[in-house]
Amino acid sequence: FRYVLVSPKDRHVVIVESLLTPTIFRDTLAKVFFKHYEVASILFVPSHLVVLCALGIRTALVVDVGYRETQVIPVYEGVPVLSAWQAQPLAAGAVEHRLKDNLVEAYREKIYASGDAGRHFTPDVESLPDSVIEDIKVRGCFVPDYERGQDMSDGTSSRLPPCVDYRVGGSCIIQIPGSVRQSAYEPLFEKDNERCSLPHLILDAILKCGIDTHKELAENILLVGGTVMAPGFNARVMEEIRQMLKTPEYSAKLPIKCIKLHQPPGKENYMCWLGGAIFGATDMIPMRTLTKENYLSLKMVPDWSNLATNILLVSKLSLH
């Protein structure tokens, strides 16, 4: 409220959250808004659902690649299919961890090759803060195509992109090798026996939905989150899915011929908030919002996962 220069009193607040937000966090947030800021009402909306408001569609397979984990939730006719929910700790954090490890290894080899002379003139890559690693990821790294990714996994990669220089602290320059630039995002696509790659999550989510929804979900895949803005990300995901659909693991269960990705109207890193803003401007707010009076009466925030809350709400509605 300080940054937008408005008074919090009598304001209607829309909070875009994950479906799996802890109840204690929601209750604490509502307590601060109602008792400290004295807002008029609060509406908690799931990010995977309201992001569809920005596209004007009701059905999509929403893939949210965050910092700590990737969540895949199918939404069919405006209803999240929670039985098909998928999540793995494959996100920006894994990319940055791989980037730092590869960068440290590359500079260790450089120091070893140049001896004591190189030790004095080589920057200490291990002590780089997370903010610098993130900036290197955004500025210098990219997602290679499917063929190059296969070459890297087989250890036969011969086509290396050029090195780039990155300035640290205004005086020190770090050279980012081409092999490091192209391998940073590989943790999201690496295949193992546990089927934990991002394309596996997408196909498994579709597979767990009803068979009559497979085609529509496959043609309405929506990628959101800052990580998916990396150059080459969408093309790599599309090609990985196409190749997996040809394998015996999925060819019989998912006879899908067409895979389509939505092109969002804005940047992927704020699409959920854009959808929340659009939803907040509709006439649905008075019907779904939690007012200050209701909060002081219930002493809690209604939660879809809390059976006691649902029974209490149903009983109060039946009395009215």
C-alpha atoms as a PDB file:
ATOM      1  CA  PHE A   1       0.000   0.000   0.000  1.00  0.00           C
ATOM      2  CA  ARG A   2       2.936   2.306   0.586  1.00  0.00           C
ATOM      3  CA  TYR A   3       4.236   1.799  -2.938  1.00  0.00           C
ATOM      4  CA  VAL A   4       0.880   2.195  -4.698  1.00  0.00           C
ATOM      5  CA  LEU A   5       0.101   5.272  -2.549  1.00  0.00           C
ATOM      6  CA  VAL A   6      -3.413   4.254  -1.509  1.00  0.00           C
ATOM      7  CA  SER A   7      -5.129   3.824   1.828  1.00  0.00           C
ATOM      8  CA  PRO A   8      -5.666   0.141   2.711  1.00  0.00           C
ATOM      9  CA  LYS A   9      -8.948   0.779   4.522  1.00  0.00           C
ATOM     10  CA  ASP A  10     -12.086  -0.302   2.683  1.00  0.00           C
ATOM     11  CA  ARG A  11     -10.024  -1.844  -0.124  1.00  0.00           C
ATOM     12  CA  HIS A  12     -10.916  -5.159  -1.777  1.00  0.00           C
ATOM     13  CA  VAL A  13      -7.841  -7.407  -2.027  1.00  0.00           C
ATOM     14  CA  VAL A  14      -7.338 -10.308  -4.446  1.00  0.00           C
ATOM     15  CA  ILE A  15      -4.553 -12.725  -3.426  1.00  0.00           C
ATOM     16  CA  VAL A  16      -3.254 -15.084  -6.121  1.00  0.00           C
ATOM     17  CA  GLU A  17      -2.009 -18.234  -4.395  1.00  0.00           C
ATOM     18  CA  SER A  18      -1.055 -21.820  -5.023  1.00  0.00           C
ATOM     19  CA  LEU A  19      -3.655 -24.526  -4.488  1.00  0.00           C
ATOM     20  CA  LEU A  20      -1.345 -26.069  -1.896  1.00  0.00           C
ATOM     21  CA  THR A  21      -0.656 -22.950   0.158  1.00  0.00           C
ATOM     22  CA  PRO A  22      -0.400 -23.953   3.858  1.00  0.00           C
ATOM     23  CA  THR A  23      -3.472 -23.076   5.889  1.00  0.00           C
ATOM     24  CA  ILE A  24      -1.420 -21.384   8.610  1.00  0.00           C
ATOM     25  CA  PHE A  25       0.058 -19.011   6.019  1.00  0.00           C
ATOM     26  CA  ARG A  26      -3.376 -18.092   4.652  1.00  0.00           C
ATOM     27  CA  ASP A  27      -4.770 -17.515   8.147  1.00  0.00           C
ATOM     28  CA  THR A  28      -1.804 -15.334   9.125  1.00  0.00           C
ATOM     29  CA  LEU A  29      -2.049 -13.314   5.924  1.00  0.00           C
ATOM     30  CA  ALA A  30      -5.775 -12.751   6.392  1.00  0.00           C
ATOM     31  CA  LYS A  31      -5.234 -11.733  10.014  1.00  0.00           C
ATOM     32  CA  VAL A  32      -2.686  -9.091   8.993  1.00  0.00           C
ATOM     33  CA  PHE A  33      -4.887  -7.706   6.223  1.00  0.00           C
ATOM     34  CA  PHE A  34      -8.074  -7.553   8.290  1.00  0.00           C
ATOM     35  CA  LYS A  35      -6.745  -6.504  11.706  1.00  0.00           C
ATOM     36  CA  HIS A  36      -3.731  -4.378  10.762  1.00  0.00           C
ATOM     37  CA  TYR A  37      -4.613  -2.901   7.376  1.00  0.00           C
ATOM     38  CA  GLU A  38      -8.390  -3.106   7.959  1.00  0.00           C
ATOM     39  CA  VAL A  39      -9.240  -3.993   4.371  1.00  0.00           C
ATOM     40  CA  ALA A  40     -12.879  -4.502   3.425  1.00  0.00           C
ATOM     41  CA  SER A  41     -12.566  -7.974   1.910  1.00  0.00           C
ATOM     42  CA  ILE A  42     -10.117 -10.616   0.702  1.00  0.00           C
ATOM     43  CA  LEU A  43     -10.448 -13.123  -2.095  1.00  0.00           C
ATOM     44  CA  PHE A  44      -8.008 -16.039  -2.352  1.00  0.00           C
ATOM     45  CA  VAL A  45      -7.848 -17.327  -5.927  1.00  0.00           C
ATOM     46  CA  PRO A  46      -5.733 -20.262  -7.208  1.00  0.00           C
ATOM     47  CA  SER A  47      -3.065 -19.179  -9.668  1.00  0.00           C
ATOM     48  CA  HIS A  48      -3.585 -22.153 -12.007  1.00  0.00           C
ATOM     49  CA  LEU A  49      -7.234 -21.210 -12.402  1.00  0.00           C
ATOM     50  CA  VAL A  50      -7.191 -17.424 -12.749  1.00  0.00           C
ATOM     51  CA  VAL A  51      -4.341 -17.479 -15.264  1.00  0.00           C
ATOM     52  CA  LEU A  52      -6.916 -18.763 -17.755  1.00  0.00           C
ATOM     53  CA  CYS A  53      -8.855 -15.504 -17.370  1.00  0.00           C
ATOM     54  CA  ALA A  54      -6.069 -13.708 -19.215  1.00  0.00           C
ATOM     55  CA  LEU A  55      -6.527 -16.037 -22.198  1.00  0.00           C
ATOM     56  CA  GLY A  56     -10.306 -16.254 -22.085  1.00  0.00           C
ATOM     57  CA  ILE A  57     -10.356 -20.064 -22.023  1.00  0.00           C
ATOM     58  CA  ARG A  58     -11.786 -22.634 -19.619  1.00  0.00           C
ATOM     59  CA  THR A  59      -9.633 -25.687 -20.316  1.00  0.00           C
ATOM     60  CA  ALA A  60      -5.841 -25.923 -20.232  1.00  0.00           C
ATOM     61  CA  LEU A  61      -2.938 -27.880 -18.828  1.00  0.00           C
ATOM     62  CA  VAL A  62      -1.203 -25.260 -16.690  1.00  0.00           C
ATOM     63  CA  VAL A  63       2.525 -25.834 -16.143  1.00  0.00           C
ATOM     64  CA  ASP A  64       3.913 -23.446 -13.526  1.00  0.00           C
ATOM     65  CA  VAL A  65       7.723 -23.534 -13.386  1.00  0.00           C
ATOM     66  CA  GLY A  66       8.627 -21.613 -10.245  1.00  0.00           C
ATOM     67  CA  TYR A  67      11.825 -21.354  -8.232  1.00  0.00           C
ATOM     68  CA  ARG A  68      11.601 -24.376  -5.934  1.00  0.00           C
ATOM     69  CA  GLU A  69       9.300 -26.687  -7.885  1.00  0.00           C
ATOM     70  CA  THR A  70       7.264 -27.210 -11.021  1.00  0.00           C
ATOM     71  CA  GLN A  71       3.527 -27.808 -10.650  1.00  0.00           C
ATOM     72  CA  VAL A  72       1.338 -29.243 -13.400  1.00  0.00           C
ATOM     73  CA  ILE A  73      -2.427 -28.975 -12.856  1.00  0.00           C
ATOM     74  CA  PRO A  74      -5.012 -29.755 -15.544  1.00  0.00           C
ATOM     75  CA  VAL A  75      -8.012 -27.425 -15.561  1.00  0.00           C
ATOM     76  CA  TYR A  76     -11.071 -28.712 -17.409  1.00  0.00           C
ATOM     77  CA  GLU A  77     -14.095 -26.453 -17.900  1.00  0.00           C
ATOM     78  CA  GLY A  78     -12.929 -24.211 -15.075  1.00  0.00           C
ATOM     79  CA  VAL A  79     -12.390 -27.046 -12.566  1.00  0.00           C
ATOM     80  CA  PRO A  80      -8.859 -28.085 -11.454  1.00  0.00           C
ATOM     81  CA  VAL A  81      -8.369 -31.848 -11.758  1.00  0.00           C
ATOM     82  CA  LEU A  82      -6.524 -32.408  -8.495  1.00  0.00           C
ATOM     83  CA  SER A  83      -6.284 -36.174  -8.972  1.00  0.00           C
ATOM     84  CA  ALA A  84      -3.940 -35.521 -11.912  1.00  0.00           C
ATOM     85  CA  TRP A  85      -1.779 -32.962 -10.104  1.00  0.00           C
ATOM     86  CA  GLN A  86       1.972 -33.393 -10.649  1.00  0.00           C
ATOM     87  CA  ALA A  87       4.934 -31.688  -8.961  1.00  0.00           C
ATOM     88  CA  GLN A  88       8.693 -32.124  -8.821  1.00  0.00           C
ATOM     89  CA  PRO A  89      11.580 -29.965  -7.498  1.00  0.00           C
ATOM     90  CA  LEU A  90      12.650 -29.182 -11.068  1.00  0.00           C
ATOM     91  CA  ALA A  91      12.644 -25.424 -11.415  1.00  0.00           C
ATOM     92  CA  ALA A  92      14.828 -22.326 -11.380  1.00  0.00           C
ATOM     93  CA  GLY A  93      16.641 -23.460  -8.237  1.00  0.00           C
ATOM     94  CA  ALA A  94      17.829 -26.658  -9.931  1.00  0.00           C
ATOM     95  CA  VAL A  95      18.957 -24.671 -12.974  1.00  0.00           C
ATOM     96  CA  GLU A  96      20.998 -22.245 -10.883  1.00  0.00           C
ATOM     97  CA  HIS A  97      22.521 -25.082  -8.858  1.00  0.00           C
ATOM     98  CA  ARG A  98      23.641 -26.840 -12.042  1.00  0.00           C
ATOM     99  CA  LEU A  99      24.950 -23.567 -13.480  1.00  0.00           C
ATOM    100  CA  LYS A 100      27.077 -22.832 -10.419  1.00  0.00           C
ATOM    101  CA  ASP A 101      28.436 -26.385 -10.240  1.00  0.00           C
ATOM    102  CA  ASN A 102      29.426 -26.354 -13.913  1.00  0.00           C
ATOM    103  CA  LEU A 103      30.952 -22.894 -13.611  1.00  0.00           C
ATOM    104  CA  VAL A 104      33.024 -23.899 -10.578  1.00  0.00           C
ATOM    105  CA  GLU A 105      34.195 -27.059 -12.332  1.00  0.00           C
ATOM    106  CA  ALA A 106      35.152 -25.140 -15.472  1.00  0.00           C
ATOM    107  CA  TYR A 107      37.249 -22.655 -13.491  1.00  0.00           C
ATOM    108  CA  ARG A 108      38.893 -25.399 -11.461  1.00  0.00           C
ATOM    109  CA  GLU A 109      40.049 -26.983 -14.700  1.00  0.00           C
ATOM    110  CA  LYS A 110      41.275 -23.583 -15.865  1.00  0.00           C
ATOM    111  CA  ILE A 111      43.266 -23.059 -12.659  1.00  0.00           C
ATOM    112  CA  TYR A 112      44.684 -26.584 -12.844  1.00  0.00           C
ATOM    113  CA  ALA A 113      45.781 -26.041 -16.450  1.00  0.00           C
ATOM    114  CA  SER A 114      47.440 -22.673 -15.811  1.00  0.00           C
ATOM    115  CA  GLY A 115      49.036 -23.532 -12.466  1.00  0.00           C
ATOM    116  CA  ASP A 116      49.855 -20.981  -9.768  1.00  0.00           C
ATOM    117  CA  ALA A 117      49.848 -18.113 -12.247  1.00  0.00           C
ATOM    118  CA  GLY A 118      46.218 -18.728 -13.126  1.00  0.00           C
ATOM    119  CA  ARG A 119      45.229 -19.017  -9.471  1.00  0.00           C
ATOM    120  CA  HIS A 120      46.058 -15.353  -8.815  1.00  0.00           C
ATOM    121  CA  PHE A 121      44.153 -13.998 -11.820  1.00  0.00           C
ATOM    122  CA  THR A 122      41.099 -16.303 -11.790  1.00  0.00           C
ATOM    123  CA  PRO A 123      38.052 -14.967  -9.894  1.00  0.00           C
ATOM    124  CA  ASP A 124      36.602 -16.924  -6.983  1.00  0.00           C
ATOM    125  CA  VAL A 125      33.520 -18.372  -8.668  1.00  0.00           C
ATOM    126  CA  GLU A 126      32.492 -20.415  -5.613  1.00  0.00           C
ATOM    127  CA  SER A 127      31.809 -17.257  -3.588  1.00  0.00           C
ATOM    128  CA  LEU A 128      29.468 -15.678  -6.141  1.00  0.00           C
ATOM    129  CA  PRO A 129      26.119 -14.772  -4.508  1.00  0.00           C
ATOM    130  CA  ASP A 130      22.860 -16.309  -5.693  1.00  0.00           C
ATOM    131  CA  SER A 131      21.776 -13.021  -7.260  1.00  0.00           C
ATOM    132  CA  VAL A 132      24.819 -13.051  -9.571  1.00  0.00           C
ATOM    133  CA  ILE A 133      24.243 -16.697 -10.532  1.00  0.00           C
ATOM    134  CA  GLU A 134      20.637 -15.857 -11.357  1.00  0.00           C
ATOM    135  CA  ASP A 135      21.731 -12.897 -13.473  1.00  0.00           C
ATOM    136  CA  ILE A 136      24.218 -15.070 -15.361  1.00  0.00           C
ATOM    137  CA  LYS A 137      21.433 -17.576 -15.999  1.00  0.00           C
ATOM    138  CA  VAL A 138      19.089 -14.926 -17.379  1.00  0.00           C
ATOM    139  CA  ARG A 139      21.668 -13.049 -19.453  1.00  0.00           C
ATOM    140  CA  GLY A 140      23.928 -15.791 -20.760  1.00  0.00           C
ATOM    141  CA  CYS A 141      22.192 -19.181 -20.717  1.00  0.00           C
ATOM    142  CA  PHE A 142      19.681 -20.770 -23.067  1.00  0.00           C
ATOM    143  CA  VAL A 143      17.854 -24.030 -23.699  1.00  0.00           C
ATOM    144  CA  PRO A 144      19.450 -26.011 -26.564  1.00  0.00           C
ATOM    145  CA  ASP A 145      17.372 -27.852 -29.140  1.00  0.00           C
ATOM    146  CA  TYR A 146      16.471 -31.526 -28.828  1.00  0.00           C
ATOM    147  CA  GLU A 147      19.340 -32.842 -30.967  1.00  0.00           C
ATOM    148  CA  ARG A 148      21.960 -30.880 -29.068  1.00  0.00           C
ATOM    149  CA  GLY A 149      20.439 -32.004 -25.776  1.00  0.00           C
ATOM    150  CA  GLN A 150      20.711 -35.627 -26.873  1.00  0.00           C
ATOM    151  CA  ASP A 151      24.340 -35.088 -27.833  1.00  0.00           C
ATOM    152  CA  MET A 152      25.096 -33.654 -24.386  1.00  0.00           C
ATOM    153  CA  SER A 153      23.421 -36.575 -22.612  1.00  0.00           C
ATOM    154  CA  ASP A 154      25.437 -39.007 -24.760  1.00  0.00           C
ATOM    155  CA  GLY A 155      28.656 -37.075 -24.152  1.00  0.00           C
ATOM    156  CA  THR A 156      29.203 -36.456 -27.858  1.00  0.00           C
ATOM    157  CA  SER A 157      28.485 -32.738 -28.014  1.00  0.00           C
ATOM    158  CA  SER A 158      30.869 -31.099 -30.474  1.00  0.00           C
ATOM    159  CA  ARG A 159      29.008 -27.924 -31.439  1.00  0.00           C
ATOM    160  CA  LEU A 160      29.684 -25.487 -28.621  1.00  0.00           C
ATOM    161  CA  PRO A 161      28.230 -21.979 -28.548  1.00  0.00           C
ATOM    162  CA  PRO A 162      30.654 -19.069 -28.089  1.00  0.00           C
ATOM    163  CA  CYS A 163      31.836 -17.956 -24.668  1.00  0.00           C
ATOM    164  CA  VAL A 164      30.504 -14.734 -23.183  1.00  0.00           C
ATOM    165  CA  ASP A 165      32.079 -12.304 -20.720  1.00  0.00           C
ATOM    166  CA  TYR A 166      30.239 -11.316 -17.548  1.00  0.00           C
ATOM    167  CA  ARG A 167      31.425  -8.401 -15.445  1.00  0.00           C
ATOM    168  CA  VAL A 168      31.293  -8.767 -11.667  1.00  0.00           C
ATOM    169  CA  GLY A 169      31.697  -5.805  -9.345  1.00  0.00           C
ATOM    170  CA  GLY A 170      32.703  -3.453 -12.136  1.00  0.00           C
ATOM    171  CA  SER A 171      36.304  -4.673 -12.377  1.00  0.00           C
ATOM    172  CA  CYS A 172      36.355  -8.473 -12.527  1.00  0.00           C
ATOM    173  CA  ILE A 173      35.300 -10.280 -15.711  1.00  0.00           C
ATOM    174  CA  ILE A 174      34.139 -13.900 -15.694  1.00  0.00           C
ATOM    175  CA  GLN A 175      34.173 -15.840 -18.928  1.00  0.00           C
ATOM    176  CA  ILE A 176      31.157 -18.150 -19.231  1.00  0.00           C
ATOM    177  CA  PRO A 177      32.113 -21.172 -21.378  1.00  0.00           C
ATOM    178  CA  GLY A 178      29.732 -22.264 -24.110  1.00  0.00           C
ATOM    179  CA  SER A 179      29.336 -25.706 -22.558  1.00  0.00           C
ATOM    180  CA  VAL A 180      28.148 -24.103 -19.313  1.00  0.00           C
ATOM    181  CA  ARG A 181      25.715 -21.821 -21.124  1.00  0.00           C
ATOM    182  CA  GLN A 182      23.943 -24.636 -22.942  1.00  0.00           C
ATOM    183  CA  SER A 183      23.849 -27.178 -20.108  1.00  0.00           C
ATOM    184  CA  ALA A 184      22.325 -25.046 -17.328  1.00  0.00           C
ATOM    185  CA  TYR A 185      18.695 -25.971 -18.115  1.00  0.00           C
ATOM    186  CA  GLU A 186      19.344 -29.665 -18.697  1.00  0.00           C
ATOM    187  CA  PRO A 187      18.163 -30.764 -15.191  1.00  0.00           C
ATOM    188  CA  LEU A 188      14.604 -30.027 -16.349  1.00  0.00           C
ATOM    189  CA  PHE A 189      14.874 -32.474 -19.257  1.00  0.00           C
ATOM    190  CA  GLU A 190      17.187 -35.213 -18.001  1.00  0.00           C
ATOM    191  CA  LYS A 191      15.559 -38.646 -18.120  1.00  0.00           C
ATOM    192  CA  ASP A 192      16.005 -41.184 -15.351  1.00  0.00           C
ATOM    193  CA  ASN A 193      14.302 -44.312 -14.067  1.00  0.00           C
ATOM    194  CA  GLU A 194      11.928 -42.297 -11.881  1.00  0.00           C
ATOM    195  CA  ARG A 195      10.516 -40.315 -14.849  1.00  0.00           C
ATOM    196  CA  CYS A 196      11.043 -36.951 -13.173  1.00  0.00           C
ATOM    197  CA  SER A 197      11.670 -34.736 -16.191  1.00  0.00           C
ATOM    198  CA  LEU A 198       9.377 -31.853 -17.103  1.00  0.00           C
ATOM    199  CA  PRO A 199       7.963 -33.576 -20.237  1.00  0.00           C
ATOM    200  CA  HIS A 200       7.200 -36.653 -18.122  1.00  0.00           C
ATOM    201  CA  LEU A 201       5.201 -34.514 -15.683  1.00  0.00           C
ATOM    202  CA  ILE A 202       3.143 -33.043 -18.526  1.00  0.00           C
ATOM    203  CA  LEU A 203       2.322 -36.389 -20.133  1.00  0.00           C
ATOM    204  CA  ASP A 204       1.611 -38.099 -16.802  1.00  0.00           C
ATOM    205  CA  ALA A 205      -0.814 -35.307 -15.864  1.00  0.00           C
ATOM    206  CA  ILE A 206      -2.688 -35.762 -19.146  1.00  0.00           C
ATOM    207  CA  LEU A 207      -2.674 -39.528 -18.701  1.00  0.00           C
ATOM    208  CA  LYS A 208      -4.307 -39.295 -15.258  1.00  0.00           C
ATOM    209  CA  CYS A 209      -7.236 -37.275 -16.627  1.00  0.00           C
ATOM    210  CA  GLY A 210     -10.291 -38.761 -18.313  1.00  0.00           C
ATOM    211  CA  ILE A 211      -9.648 -40.255 -21.723  1.00  0.00           C
ATOM    212  CA  ASP A 212     -12.133 -37.871 -23.354  1.00  0.00           C
ATOM    213  CA  THR A 213     -10.094 -34.875 -22.128  1.00  0.00           C
ATOM    214  CA  HIS A 214      -6.674 -35.982 -23.430  1.00  0.00           C
ATOM    215  CA  LYS A 215      -6.901 -34.344 -26.847  1.00  0.00           C
ATOM    216  CA  GLU A 216      -8.211 -31.013 -25.553  1.00  0.00           C
ATOM    217  CA  LEU A 217      -5.598 -30.780 -22.795  1.00  0.00           C
ATOM    218  CA  ALA A 218      -2.759 -31.663 -25.180  1.00  0.00           C
ATOM    219  CA  GLU A 219      -3.856 -28.850 -27.489  1.00  0.00           C
ATOM    220  CA  ASN A 220      -4.080 -26.302 -24.641  1.00  0.00           C
ATOM    221  CA  ILE A 221      -0.783 -26.434 -22.746  1.00  0.00           C
ATOM    222  CA  LEU A 222       0.077 -23.193 -20.961  1.00  0.00           C
ATOM    223  CA  LEU A 223       3.600 -22.582 -19.624  1.00  0.00           C
ATOM    224  CA  VAL A 224       3.941 -19.890 -16.944  1.00  0.00           C
ATOM    225  CA  GLY A 225       6.706 -18.770 -14.601  1.00  0.00           C
ATOM    226  CA  GLY A 226       9.917 -16.864 -15.123  1.00  0.00           C
ATOM    227  CA  THR A 227      11.955 -19.948 -16.017  1.00  0.00           C
ATOM    228  CA  VAL A 228       9.949 -20.655 -19.185  1.00  0.00           C
ATOM    229  CA  MET A 229      11.050 -17.281 -20.595  1.00  0.00           C
ATOM    230  CA  ALA A 230      14.506 -18.713 -21.350  1.00  0.00           C
ATOM    231  CA  PRO A 231      15.360 -18.723 -25.079  1.00  0.00           C
ATOM    232  CA  GLY A 232      14.472 -22.047 -26.681  1.00  0.00           C
ATOM    233  CA  PHE A 233      12.401 -23.328 -23.742  1.00  0.00           C
ATOM    234  CA  ASN A 234       9.058 -23.735 -25.525  1.00  0.00           C
ATOM    235  CA  ALA A 235      10.557 -25.375 -28.609  1.00  0.00           C
ATOM    236  CA  ARG A 236      12.500 -27.864 -26.477  1.00  0.00           C
ATOM    237  CA  VAL A 237       9.411 -28.803 -24.452  1.00  0.00           C
ATOM    238  CA  MET A 238       7.376 -29.350 -27.624  1.00  0.00           C
ATOM    239  CA  GLU A 239      10.007 -31.564 -29.241  1.00  0.00           C
ATOM    240  CA  GLU A 240      10.626 -33.555 -26.040  1.00  0.00           C
ATOM    241  CA  ILE A 241       6.899 -34.302 -25.757  1.00  0.00           C
ATOM    242  CA  ARG A 242       6.662 -35.321 -29.421  1.00  0.00           C
ATOM    243  CA  GLN A 243       9.579 -37.717 -29.049  1.00  0.00           C
ATOM    244  CA  MET A 244       8.190 -39.229 -25.834  1.00  0.00           C
ATOM    245  CA  LEU A 245       4.807 -39.857 -27.458  1.00  0.00           C
ATOM    246  CA  LYS A 246       6.604 -42.186 -29.894  1.00  0.00           C
ATOM    247  CA  THR A 247       8.022 -44.366 -27.111  1.00  0.00           C
ATOM    248  CA  PRO A 248       6.262 -47.607 -26.040  1.00  0.00           C
ATOM    249  CA  GLU A 249       5.650 -46.020 -22.650  1.00  0.00           C
ATOM    250  CA  TYR A 250       3.132 -43.507 -24.047  1.00  0.00           C
ATOM    251  CA  SER A 251       2.339 -44.473 -27.656  1.00  0.00           C
ATOM    252  CA  ALA A 252      -0.433 -46.928 -26.726  1.00  0.00           C
ATOM    253  CA  LYS A 253      -1.876 -44.938 -23.818  1.00  0.00           C
ATOM    254  CA  LEU A 254      -1.748 -41.475 -25.433  1.00  0.00           C
ATOM    255  CA  PRO A 255      -2.387 -41.697 -29.186  1.00  0.00           C
ATOM    256  CA  ILE A 256      -2.118 -37.915 -29.537  1.00  0.00           C
ATOM    257  CA  LYS A 257      -1.077 -36.441 -32.850  1.00  0.00           C
ATOM    258  CA  CYS A 258      -1.162 -32.720 -32.058  1.00  0.00           C
ATOM    259  CA  ILE A 259       0.565 -30.797 -29.247  1.00  0.00           C
ATOM    260  CA  LYS A 260      -0.039 -27.062 -28.922  1.00  0.00           C
ATOM    261  CA  LEU A 261       1.287 -24.385 -26.569  1.00  0.00           C
ATOM    262  CA  HIS A 262      -0.589 -21.183 -25.834  1.00  0.00           C
ATOM    263  CA  GLN A 263       1.113 -17.883 -26.532  1.00  0.00           C
ATOM    264  CA  PRO A 264       0.154 -15.724 -23.517  1.00  0.00           C
ATOM    265  CA  PRO A 265      -0.791 -12.058 -24.020  1.00  0.00           C
ATOM    266  CA  GLY A 266       1.910 -10.934 -21.571  1.00  0.00           C
ATOM    267  CA  LYS A 267       5.165 -12.092 -20.029  1.00  0.00           C
ATOM    268  CA  GLU A 268       4.996 -15.546 -18.497  1.00  0.00           C
ATOM    269  CA  ASN A 269       6.372 -14.402 -15.138  1.00  0.00           C
ATOM    270  CA  TYR A 270       3.336 -12.219 -14.350  1.00  0.00           C
ATOM    271  CA  MET A 271       0.541 -14.016 -16.203  1.00  0.00           C
ATOM    272  CA  CYS A 272      -1.018 -15.337 -12.979  1.00  0.00           C
ATOM    273  CA  TRP A 273      -1.236 -11.833 -11.517  1.00  0.00           C
ATOM    274  CA  LEU A 274      -2.668 -10.532 -14.785  1.00  0.00           C
ATOM    275  CA  GLY A 275      -5.386 -13.163 -14.617  1.00  0.00           C
ATOM    276  CA  GLY A 276      -6.053 -12.263 -10.986  1.00  0.00           C
ATOM    277  CA  ALA A 277      -6.407  -8.586 -11.889  1.00  0.00           C
ATOM    278  CA  ILE A 278      -8.877  -9.435 -14.656  1.00  0.00           C
ATOM    279  CA  PHE A 279     -10.879 -11.686 -12.335  1.00  0.00           C
ATOM    280  CA  GLY A 280     -10.862  -8.983  -9.663  1.00  0.00           C
ATOM    281  CA  ALA A 281     -12.527  -6.556 -12.062  1.00  0.00           C
ATOM    282  CA  THR A 282     -15.531  -8.825 -12.687  1.00  0.00           C
ATOM    283  CA  ASP A 283     -18.879  -9.032 -10.920  1.00  0.00           C
ATOM    284  CA  MET A 284     -17.877 -12.303  -9.232  1.00  0.00           C
ATOM    285  CA  ILE A 285     -16.006 -10.543  -6.421  1.00  0.00           C
ATOM    286  CA  PRO A 286     -19.029  -9.777  -4.163  1.00  0.00           C
ATOM    287  CA  MET A 287     -20.206 -13.399  -4.449  1.00  0.00           C
ATOM    288  CA  ARG A 288     -16.923 -15.108  -3.587  1.00  0.00           C
ATOM    289  CA  THR A 289     -15.054 -12.667  -1.372  1.00  0.00           C
ATOM    290  CA  LEU A 290     -14.439 -13.015   2.362  1.00  0.00           C
ATOM    291  CA  THR A 291     -15.599  -9.839   4.061  1.00  0.00           C
ATOM    292  CA  LYS A 292     -14.202  -8.474   7.280  1.00  0.00           C
ATOM    293  CA  GLU A 293     -17.469  -9.187   9.109  1.00  0.00           C
ATOM    294  CA  ASN A 294     -17.497 -12.831   8.003  1.00  0.00           C
ATOM    295  CA  TYR A 295     -13.859 -13.266   8.992  1.00  0.00           C
ATOM    296  CA  LEU A 296     -14.452 -11.874  12.487  1.00  0.00           C
ATOM    297  CA  SER A 297     -17.415 -14.229  12.792  1.00  0.00           C
ATOM    298  CA  LEU A 298     -15.685 -17.388  11.534  1.00  0.00           C
ATOM    299  CA  LYS A 299     -12.263 -16.636  13.080  1.00  0.00           C
ATOM    300  CA  MET A 300     -10.675 -18.462  10.129  1.00  0.00           C
ATOM    301  CA  VAL A 301     -10.292 -18.416   6.373  1.00  0.00           C
ATOM    302  CA  PRO A 302     -12.524 -20.935   4.544  1.00  0.00           C
ATOM    303  CA  ASP A 303     -10.311 -23.633   3.067  1.00  0.00           C
ATOM    304  CA  TRP A 304     -11.355 -26.135   0.387  1.00  0.00           C
ATOM    305  CA  SER A 305      -9.166 -28.812   2.014  1.00  0.00           C
ATOM    306  CA  ASN A 306     -10.683 -28.361   5.498  1.00  0.00           C
ATOM    307  CA  LEU A 307     -13.784 -30.509   5.947  1.00  0.00           C
ATOM    308  CA  ALA A 308     -14.729 -28.766   9.202  1.00  0.00           C
ATOM    309  CA  THR A 309     -14.780 -25.403   7.436  1.00  0.00           C
ATOM    310  CA  ASN A 310     -16.947 -26.713   4.610  1.00  0.00           C
ATOM    311  CA  ILE A 311     -19.480 -28.249   7.018  1.00  0.00           C
ATOM    312  CA  LEU A 312     -19.616 -24.981   8.988  1.00  0.00           C
ATOM    313  CA  LEU A 313     -20.221 -22.943   5.840  1.00  0.00           C
ATOM    314  CA  VAL A 314     -22.943 -25.297   4.601  1.00  0.00           C
ATOM    315  CA  SER A 315     -24.738 -25.155   7.948  1.00  0.00           C
ATOM    316  CA  LYS A 316     -24.625 -21.354   8.006  1.00  0.00           C
ATOM    317  CA  LEU A 317     -25.921 -21.139   4.439  1.00  0.00           C
ATOM    318  CA  SER A 318     -28.786 -23.522   5.222  1.00  0.00           C
ATOM    319  CA  LEU A 319     -29.810 -21.378   8.191  1.00  0.00           C
ATOM    320  CA  HIS A 320     -30.047 -18.324   5.958  1.00  0.00           C
END
